[in-house]
Amino acid sequence: MLYRINIVGSKGDKVKIAIPFEAVKLLATNEKAMEAFKKNRIMKEIDIPELVRLVEEGKTGELAVIDTQAHEHIVIEGE
């Protein structure tokens, strides 16, 4: 299982990232990693434990859509 994260920045730049589910699951269980993750302006908008829960329940496809105040558009999918 992979998480695919697609980010469209406020200036039109695009970033695509694929992260294995197990790596995200480890992140969700590591307090120090979660603290570092939440320091990022965009990443603090993402509920990692909720994403893990959704995948463990078998959900695939679009898991989260985030539109930030700085006009970034983030889509997280599980496949």
PDB file of N, CA and C in Angstrom:
ATOM      1  N   MET A   1       0.844  -1.172   0.000  1.00  0.00           N
ATOM      2  CA  MET A   1       0.000   0.000   0.000  1.00  0.00           C
ATOM      3  C   MET A   1       0.888   1.233   0.000  1.00  0.00           C
ATOM      4  N   LEU A   2       0.514   2.210  -0.820  1.00  0.00           N
ATOM      5  CA  LEU A   2       1.231   3.476  -0.905  1.00  0.00           C
ATOM      6  C   LEU A   2       0.281   4.631  -0.644  1.00  0.00           C
ATOM      7  N   TYR A   3       0.803   5.667  -0.008  1.00  0.00           N
ATOM      8  CA  TYR A   3       0.116   6.949   0.044  1.00  0.00           C
ATOM      9  C   TYR A   3       0.698   7.766  -1.089  1.00  0.00           C
ATOM     10  N   ARG A   4      -0.145   8.357  -1.892  1.00  0.00           N
ATOM     11  CA  ARG A   4       0.293   9.275  -2.939  1.00  0.00           C
ATOM     12  C   ARG A   4      -0.158  10.661  -2.522  1.00  0.00           C
ATOM     13  N   ILE A   5       0.799  11.575  -2.434  1.00  0.00           N
ATOM     14  CA  ILE A   5       0.508  12.937  -2.018  1.00  0.00           C
ATOM     15  C   ILE A   5       0.814  13.863  -3.186  1.00  0.00           C
ATOM     16  N   ASN A   6      -0.188  14.602  -3.603  1.00  0.00           N
ATOM     17  CA  ASN A   6      -0.049  15.558  -4.695  1.00  0.00           C
ATOM     18  C   ASN A   6      -0.283  16.954  -4.133  1.00  0.00           C
ATOM     19  N   ILE A   7       0.695  17.830  -4.333  1.00  0.00           N
ATOM     20  CA  ILE A   7       0.615  19.188  -3.813  1.00  0.00           C
ATOM     21  C   ILE A   7       0.736  20.162  -4.977  1.00  0.00           C
ATOM     22  N   VAL A   8      -0.204  21.099  -5.035  1.00  0.00           N
ATOM     23  CA  VAL A   8      -0.115  22.200  -5.992  1.00  0.00           C
ATOM     24  C   VAL A   8       0.068  23.459  -5.159  1.00  0.00           C
ATOM     25  N   GLY A   9       1.214  24.091  -5.331  1.00  0.00           N
ATOM     26  CA  GLY A   9       1.542  25.273  -4.542  1.00  0.00           C
ATOM     27  C   GLY A   9       0.807  26.511  -5.013  1.00  0.00           C
ATOM     28  N   SER A  10       0.884  27.555  -4.233  1.00  0.00           N
ATOM     29  CA  SER A  10       0.188  28.802  -4.534  1.00  0.00           C
ATOM     30  C   SER A  10       0.723  29.480  -5.794  1.00  0.00           C
ATOM     31  N   LYS A  11       1.946  29.135  -6.190  1.00  0.00           N
ATOM     32  CA  LYS A  11       2.540  29.725  -7.392  1.00  0.00           C
ATOM     33  C   LYS A  11       2.478  28.762  -8.579  1.00  0.00           C
ATOM     34  N   GLY A  12       1.720  27.665  -8.420  1.00  0.00           N
ATOM     35  CA  GLY A  12       1.547  26.718  -9.515  1.00  0.00           C
ATOM     36  C   GLY A  12       2.542  25.579  -9.550  1.00  0.00           C
ATOM     37  N   ASP A  13       3.531  25.594  -8.639  1.00  0.00           N
ATOM     38  CA  ASP A  13       4.484  24.489  -8.634  1.00  0.00           C
ATOM     39  C   ASP A  13       3.784  23.220  -8.134  1.00  0.00           C
ATOM     40  N   LYS A  14       4.218  22.070  -8.655  1.00  0.00           N
ATOM     41  CA  LYS A  14       3.582  20.798  -8.327  1.00  0.00           C
ATOM     42  C   LYS A  14       4.603  19.827  -7.752  1.00  0.00           C
ATOM     43  N   VAL A  15       4.177  19.105  -6.704  1.00  0.00           N
ATOM     44  CA  VAL A  15       5.023  18.101  -6.068  1.00  0.00           C
ATOM     45  C   VAL A  15       4.208  16.826  -5.938  1.00  0.00           C
ATOM     46  N   LYS A  16       4.801  15.697  -6.317  1.00  0.00           N
ATOM     47  CA  LYS A  16       4.153  14.396  -6.165  1.00  0.00           C
ATOM     48  C   LYS A  16       5.074  13.504  -5.346  1.00  0.00           C
ATOM     49  N   ILE A  17       4.501  12.881  -4.315  1.00  0.00           N
ATOM     50  CA  ILE A  17       5.279  12.038  -3.417  1.00  0.00           C
ATOM     51  C   ILE A  17       4.540  10.723  -3.229  1.00  0.00           C
ATOM     52  N   ALA A  18       5.280   9.613  -3.201  1.00  0.00           N
ATOM     53  CA  ALA A  18       4.708   8.299  -2.869  1.00  0.00           C
ATOM     54  C   ALA A  18       5.427   7.796  -1.627  1.00  0.00           C
ATOM     55  N   ILE A  19       4.640   7.437  -0.603  1.00  0.00           N
ATOM     56  CA  ILE A  19       5.207   6.979   0.668  1.00  0.00           C
ATOM     57  C   ILE A  19       4.574   5.643   1.035  1.00  0.00           C
ATOM     58  N   PRO A  20       5.371   4.624   1.357  1.00  0.00           N
ATOM     59  CA  PRO A  20       4.804   3.336   1.772  1.00  0.00           C
ATOM     60  C   PRO A  20       3.977   3.477   3.051  1.00  0.00           C
ATOM     61  N   PHE A  21       2.891   2.734   3.117  1.00  0.00           N
ATOM     62  CA  PHE A  21       2.002   2.755   4.279  1.00  0.00           C
ATOM     63  C   PHE A  21       2.755   2.465   5.566  1.00  0.00           C
ATOM     64  N   GLU A  22       3.635   1.481   5.546  1.00  0.00           N
ATOM     65  CA  GLU A  22       4.360   1.108   6.767  1.00  0.00           C
ATOM     66  C   GLU A  22       5.205   2.260   7.309  1.00  0.00           C
ATOM     67  N   ALA A  23       5.761   3.086   6.422  1.00  0.00           N
ATOM     68  CA  ALA A  23       6.550   4.238   6.876  1.00  0.00           C
ATOM     69  C   ALA A  23       5.658   5.252   7.577  1.00  0.00           C
ATOM     70  N   VAL A  24       4.471   5.475   7.045  1.00  0.00           N
ATOM     71  CA  VAL A  24       3.534   6.406   7.667  1.00  0.00           C
ATOM     72  C   VAL A  24       3.040   5.855   9.003  1.00  0.00           C
ATOM     73  N   LYS A  25       2.813   4.559   9.042  1.00  0.00           N
ATOM     74  CA  LYS A  25       2.368   3.919  10.284  1.00  0.00           C
ATOM     75  C   LYS A  25       3.434   4.068  11.378  1.00  0.00           C
ATOM     76  N   LEU A  26       4.711   3.910  11.015  1.00  0.00           N
ATOM     77  CA  LEU A  26       5.801   4.118  11.980  1.00  0.00           C
ATOM     78  C   LEU A  26       5.841   5.563  12.462  1.00  0.00           C
ATOM     79  N   LEU A  27       5.652   6.496  11.553  1.00  0.00           N
ATOM     80  CA  LEU A  27       5.628   7.910  11.912  1.00  0.00           C
ATOM     81  C   LEU A  27       4.536   8.185  12.942  1.00  0.00           C
ATOM     82  N   ALA A  28       3.368   7.586  12.725  1.00  0.00           N
ATOM     83  CA  ALA A  28       2.222   7.822  13.605  1.00  0.00           C
ATOM     84  C   ALA A  28       2.460   7.307  15.020  1.00  0.00           C
ATOM     85  N   THR A  29       3.380   6.353  15.185  1.00  0.00           N
ATOM     86  CA  THR A  29       3.633   5.775  16.508  1.00  0.00           C
ATOM     87  C   THR A  29       4.874   6.352  17.190  1.00  0.00           C
ATOM     88  N   ASN A  30       5.556   7.278  16.517  1.00  0.00           N
ATOM     89  CA  ASN A  30       6.777   7.866  17.066  1.00  0.00           C
ATOM     90  C   ASN A  30       6.505   9.314  17.469  1.00  0.00           C
ATOM     91  N   GLU A  31       6.482   9.562  18.764  1.00  0.00           N
ATOM     92  CA  GLU A  31       6.130  10.890  19.283  1.00  0.00           C
ATOM     93  C   GLU A  31       7.064  11.991  18.777  1.00  0.00           C
ATOM     94  N   LYS A  32       8.374  11.743  18.779  1.00  0.00           N
ATOM     95  CA  LYS A  32       9.328  12.757  18.319  1.00  0.00           C
ATOM     96  C   LYS A  32       9.166  13.042  16.827  1.00  0.00           C
ATOM     97  N   ALA A  33       8.924  12.002  16.043  1.00  0.00           N
ATOM     98  CA  ALA A  33       8.712  12.191  14.612  1.00  0.00           C
ATOM     99  C   ALA A  33       7.449  13.009  14.366  1.00  0.00           C
ATOM    100  N   MET A  34       6.389  12.727  15.116  1.00  0.00           N
ATOM    101  CA  MET A  34       5.142  13.476  14.954  1.00  0.00           C
ATOM    102  C   MET A  34       5.327  14.945  15.332  1.00  0.00           C
ATOM    103  N   GLU A  35       6.106  15.223  16.371  1.00  0.00           N
ATOM    104  CA  GLU A  35       6.378  16.610  16.763  1.00  0.00           C
ATOM    105  C   GLU A  35       7.098  17.356  15.643  1.00  0.00           C
ATOM    106  N   ALA A  36       8.094  16.717  15.049  1.00  0.00           N
ATOM    107  CA  ALA A  36       8.835  17.339  13.942  1.00  0.00           C
ATOM    108  C   ALA A  36       7.926  17.541  12.735  1.00  0.00           C
ATOM    109  N   PHE A  37       7.108  16.569  12.442  1.00  0.00           N
ATOM    110  CA  PHE A  37       6.180  16.631  11.318  1.00  0.00           C
ATOM    111  C   PHE A  37       5.227  17.810  11.487  1.00  0.00           C
ATOM    112  N   LYS A  38       4.726  18.008  12.687  1.00  0.00           N
ATOM    113  CA  LYS A  38       3.729  19.048  12.947  1.00  0.00           C
ATOM    114  C   LYS A  38       4.311  20.467  12.949  1.00  0.00           C
ATOM    115  N   LYS A  39       5.640  20.599  12.916  1.00  0.00           N
ATOM    116  CA  LYS A  39       6.251  21.925  12.854  1.00  0.00           C
ATOM    117  C   LYS A  39       6.140  22.543  11.467  1.00  0.00           C
ATOM    118  N   ASN A  40       5.923  21.716  10.464  1.00  0.00           N
ATOM    119  CA  ASN A  40       5.790  22.205   9.103  1.00  0.00           C
ATOM    120  C   ASN A  40       4.412  22.827   8.907  1.00  0.00           C
ATOM    121  N   ARG A  41       4.356  24.001   8.322  1.00  0.00           N
ATOM    122  CA  ARG A  41       3.115  24.745   8.136  1.00  0.00           C
ATOM    123  C   ARG A  41       2.044  23.948   7.402  1.00  0.00           C
ATOM    124  N   ILE A  42       2.424  23.218   6.391  1.00  0.00           N
ATOM    125  CA  ILE A  42       1.456  22.435   5.616  1.00  0.00           C
ATOM    126  C   ILE A  42       1.168  21.107   6.305  1.00  0.00           C
ATOM    127  N   MET A  43       2.199  20.441   6.766  1.00  0.00           N
ATOM    128  CA  MET A  43       2.032  19.100   7.322  1.00  0.00           C
ATOM    129  C   MET A  43       1.213  19.078   8.606  1.00  0.00           C
ATOM    130  N   LYS A  44       1.189  20.188   9.333  1.00  0.00           N
ATOM    131  CA  LYS A  44       0.401  20.193  10.557  1.00  0.00           C
ATOM    132  C   LYS A  44      -1.096  20.084  10.276  1.00  0.00           C
ATOM    133  N   GLU A  45      -1.486  20.275   9.026  1.00  0.00           N
ATOM    134  CA  GLU A  45      -2.889  20.152   8.627  1.00  0.00           C
ATOM    135  C   GLU A  45      -3.311  18.691   8.430  1.00  0.00           C
ATOM    136  N   ILE A  46      -2.345  17.773   8.371  1.00  0.00           N
ATOM    137  CA  ILE A  46      -2.630  16.373   8.047  1.00  0.00           C
ATOM    138  C   ILE A  46      -2.751  15.545   9.324  1.00  0.00           C
ATOM    139  N   ASP A  47      -3.839  14.816   9.453  1.00  0.00           N
ATOM    140  CA  ASP A  47      -4.091  13.953  10.609  1.00  0.00           C
ATOM    141  C   ASP A  47      -3.553  12.555  10.290  1.00  0.00           C
ATOM    142  N   ILE A  48      -2.285  12.316  10.626  1.00  0.00           N
ATOM    143  CA  ILE A  48      -1.614  11.059  10.301  1.00  0.00           C
ATOM    144  C   ILE A  48      -2.316   9.846  10.922  1.00  0.00           C
ATOM    145  N   PRO A  49      -2.639   9.877  12.222  1.00  0.00           N
ATOM    146  CA  PRO A  49      -3.329   8.706  12.791  1.00  0.00           C
ATOM    147  C   PRO A  49      -4.648   8.384  12.071  1.00  0.00           C
ATOM    148  N   GLU A  50      -5.350   9.401  11.628  1.00  0.00           N
ATOM    149  CA  GLU A  50      -6.605   9.173  10.895  1.00  0.00           C
ATOM    150  C   GLU A  50      -6.331   8.519   9.546  1.00  0.00           C
ATOM    151  N   LEU A  51      -5.272   8.927   8.858  1.00  0.00           N
ATOM    152  CA  LEU A  51      -4.920   8.298   7.583  1.00  0.00           C
ATOM    153  C   LEU A  51      -4.574   6.825   7.779  1.00  0.00           C
ATOM    154  N   VAL A  52      -3.844   6.527   8.844  1.00  0.00           N
ATOM    155  CA  VAL A  52      -3.495   5.141   9.147  1.00  0.00           C
ATOM    156  C   VAL A  52      -4.768   4.332   9.415  1.00  0.00           C
ATOM    157  N   ARG A  53      -5.663   4.898  10.204  1.00  0.00           N
ATOM    158  CA  ARG A  53      -6.917   4.212  10.538  1.00  0.00           C
ATOM    159  C   ARG A  53      -7.728   3.905   9.279  1.00  0.00           C
ATOM    160  N   LEU A  54      -7.836   4.873   8.377  1.00  0.00           N
ATOM    161  CA  LEU A  54      -8.605   4.671   7.148  1.00  0.00           C
ATOM    162  C   LEU A  54      -8.050   3.520   6.313  1.00  0.00           C
ATOM    163  N   VAL A  55      -6.725   3.482   6.171  1.00  0.00           N
ATOM    164  CA  VAL A  55      -6.105   2.423   5.378  1.00  0.00           C
ATOM    165  C   VAL A  55      -6.269   1.066   6.064  1.00  0.00           C
ATOM    166  N   GLU A  56      -6.114   1.032   7.372  1.00  0.00           N
ATOM    167  CA  GLU A  56      -6.285  -0.234   8.089  1.00  0.00           C
ATOM    168  C   GLU A  56      -7.715  -0.762   7.966  1.00  0.00           C
ATOM    169  N   GLU A  57      -8.669   0.127   7.773  1.00  0.00           N
ATOM    170  CA  GLU A  57     -10.060  -0.278   7.558  1.00  0.00           C
ATOM    171  C   GLU A  57     -10.335  -0.655   6.103  1.00  0.00           C
ATOM    172  N   GLY A  58      -9.322  -0.527   5.244  1.00  0.00           N
ATOM    173  CA  GLY A  58      -9.466  -0.945   3.861  1.00  0.00           C
ATOM    174  C   GLY A  58      -9.836   0.151   2.880  1.00  0.00           C
ATOM    175  N   LYS A  59      -9.875   1.395   3.323  1.00  0.00           N
ATOM    176  CA  LYS A  59     -10.229   2.491   2.419  1.00  0.00           C
ATOM    177  C   LYS A  59      -9.078   2.755   1.462  1.00  0.00           C
ATOM    178  N   THR A  60      -9.404   2.970   0.211  1.00  0.00           N
ATOM    179  CA  THR A  60      -8.426   3.351  -0.803  1.00  0.00           C
ATOM    180  C   THR A  60      -8.979   4.562  -1.552  1.00  0.00           C
ATOM    181  N   GLY A  61      -8.212   5.049  -2.495  1.00  0.00           N
ATOM    182  CA  GLY A  61      -8.634   6.235  -3.235  1.00  0.00           C
ATOM    183  C   GLY A  61      -8.342   7.492  -2.437  1.00  0.00           C
ATOM    184  N   GLU A  62      -9.144   8.505  -2.651  1.00  0.00           N
ATOM    185  CA  GLU A  62      -8.926   9.793  -2.000  1.00  0.00           C
ATOM    186  C   GLU A  62      -9.206   9.701  -0.503  1.00  0.00           C
ATOM    187  N   LEU A  63      -8.187   9.974   0.298  1.00  0.00           N
ATOM    188  CA  LEU A  63      -8.304   9.901   1.749  1.00  0.00           C
ATOM    189  C   LEU A  63      -8.452  11.277   2.384  1.00  0.00           C
ATOM    190  N   ALA A  64      -7.834  12.281   1.796  1.00  0.00           N
ATOM    191  CA  ALA A  64      -7.901  13.629   2.352  1.00  0.00           C
ATOM    192  C   ALA A  64      -7.634  14.656   1.263  1.00  0.00           C
ATOM    193  N   VAL A  65      -8.334  15.779   1.371  1.00  0.00           N
ATOM    194  CA  VAL A  65      -8.094  16.940   0.511  1.00  0.00           C
ATOM    195  C   VAL A  65      -7.950  18.134   1.437  1.00  0.00           C
ATOM    196  N   ILE A  66      -6.848  18.853   1.268  1.00  0.00           N
ATOM    197  CA  ILE A  66      -6.560  19.987   2.142  1.00  0.00           C
ATOM    198  C   ILE A  66      -6.282  21.214   1.273  1.00  0.00           C
ATOM    199  N   ASP A  67      -6.988  22.285   1.562  1.00  0.00           N
ATOM    200  CA  ASP A  67      -6.731  23.574   0.926  1.00  0.00           C
ATOM    201  C   ASP A  67      -6.298  24.531   2.029  1.00  0.00           C
ATOM    202  N   THR A  68      -5.066  25.008   1.936  1.00  0.00           N
ATOM    203  CA  THR A  68      -4.513  25.842   3.001  1.00  0.00           C
ATOM    204  C   THR A  68      -4.844  27.312   2.783  1.00  0.00           C
ATOM    205  N   GLN A  69      -4.629  28.101   3.836  1.00  0.00           N
ATOM    206  CA  GLN A  69      -4.854  29.544   3.735  1.00  0.00           C
ATOM    207  C   GLN A  69      -3.886  30.193   2.763  1.00  0.00           C
ATOM    208  N   ALA A  70      -2.750  29.552   2.536  1.00  0.00           N
ATOM    209  CA  ALA A  70      -1.752  30.081   1.599  1.00  0.00           C
ATOM    210  C   ALA A  70      -2.025  29.611   0.176  1.00  0.00           C
ATOM    211  N   HIS A  71      -3.202  29.043  -0.065  1.00  0.00           N
ATOM    212  CA  HIS A  71      -3.665  28.625  -1.381  1.00  0.00           C
ATOM    213  C   HIS A  71      -2.926  27.424  -1.954  1.00  0.00           C
ATOM    214  N   GLU A  72      -2.461  26.520  -1.093  1.00  0.00           N
ATOM    215  CA  GLU A  72      -1.920  25.250  -1.562  1.00  0.00           C
ATOM    216  C   GLU A  72      -3.055  24.231  -1.567  1.00  0.00           C
ATOM    217  N   HIS A  73      -3.015  23.332  -2.508  1.00  0.00           N
ATOM    218  CA  HIS A  73      -4.030  22.276  -2.624  1.00  0.00           C
ATOM    219  C   HIS A  73      -3.310  20.941  -2.492  1.00  0.00           C
ATOM    220  N   ILE A  74      -3.720  20.145  -1.498  1.00  0.00           N
ATOM    221  CA  ILE A  74      -3.060  18.873  -1.200  1.00  0.00           C
ATOM    222  C   ILE A  74      -4.085  17.759  -1.274  1.00  0.00           C
ATOM    223  N   VAL A  75      -3.761  16.702  -2.028  1.00  0.00           N
ATOM    224  CA  VAL A  75      -4.627  15.536  -2.114  1.00  0.00           C
ATOM    225  C   VAL A  75      -3.800  14.324  -1.690  1.00  0.00           C
ATOM    226  N   ILE A  76      -4.357  13.538  -0.752  1.00  0.00           N
ATOM    227  CA  ILE A  76      -3.684  12.319  -0.291  1.00  0.00           C
ATOM    228  C   ILE A  76      -4.566  11.147  -0.681  1.00  0.00           C
ATOM    229  N   GLU A  77      -3.966  10.209  -1.403  1.00  0.00           N
ATOM    230  CA  GLU A  77      -4.678   9.018  -1.856  1.00  0.00           C
ATOM    231  C   GLU A  77      -3.977   7.770  -1.350  1.00  0.00           C
ATOM    232  N   GLY A  78      -4.738   6.725  -1.159  1.00  0.00           N
ATOM    233  CA  GLY A  78      -4.171   5.435  -0.797  1.00  0.00           C
ATOM    234  C   GLY A  78      -4.441   4.455  -1.935  1.00  0.00           C
ATOM    235  N   GLU A  79      -3.413   3.714  -2.279  1.00  0.00           N
ATOM    236  CA  GLU A  79      -3.612   2.714  -3.345  1.00  0.00           C
ATOM    237  C   GLU A  79      -2.827   1.462  -3.061  1.00  0.00           C
TER     238      GLU A  79
END
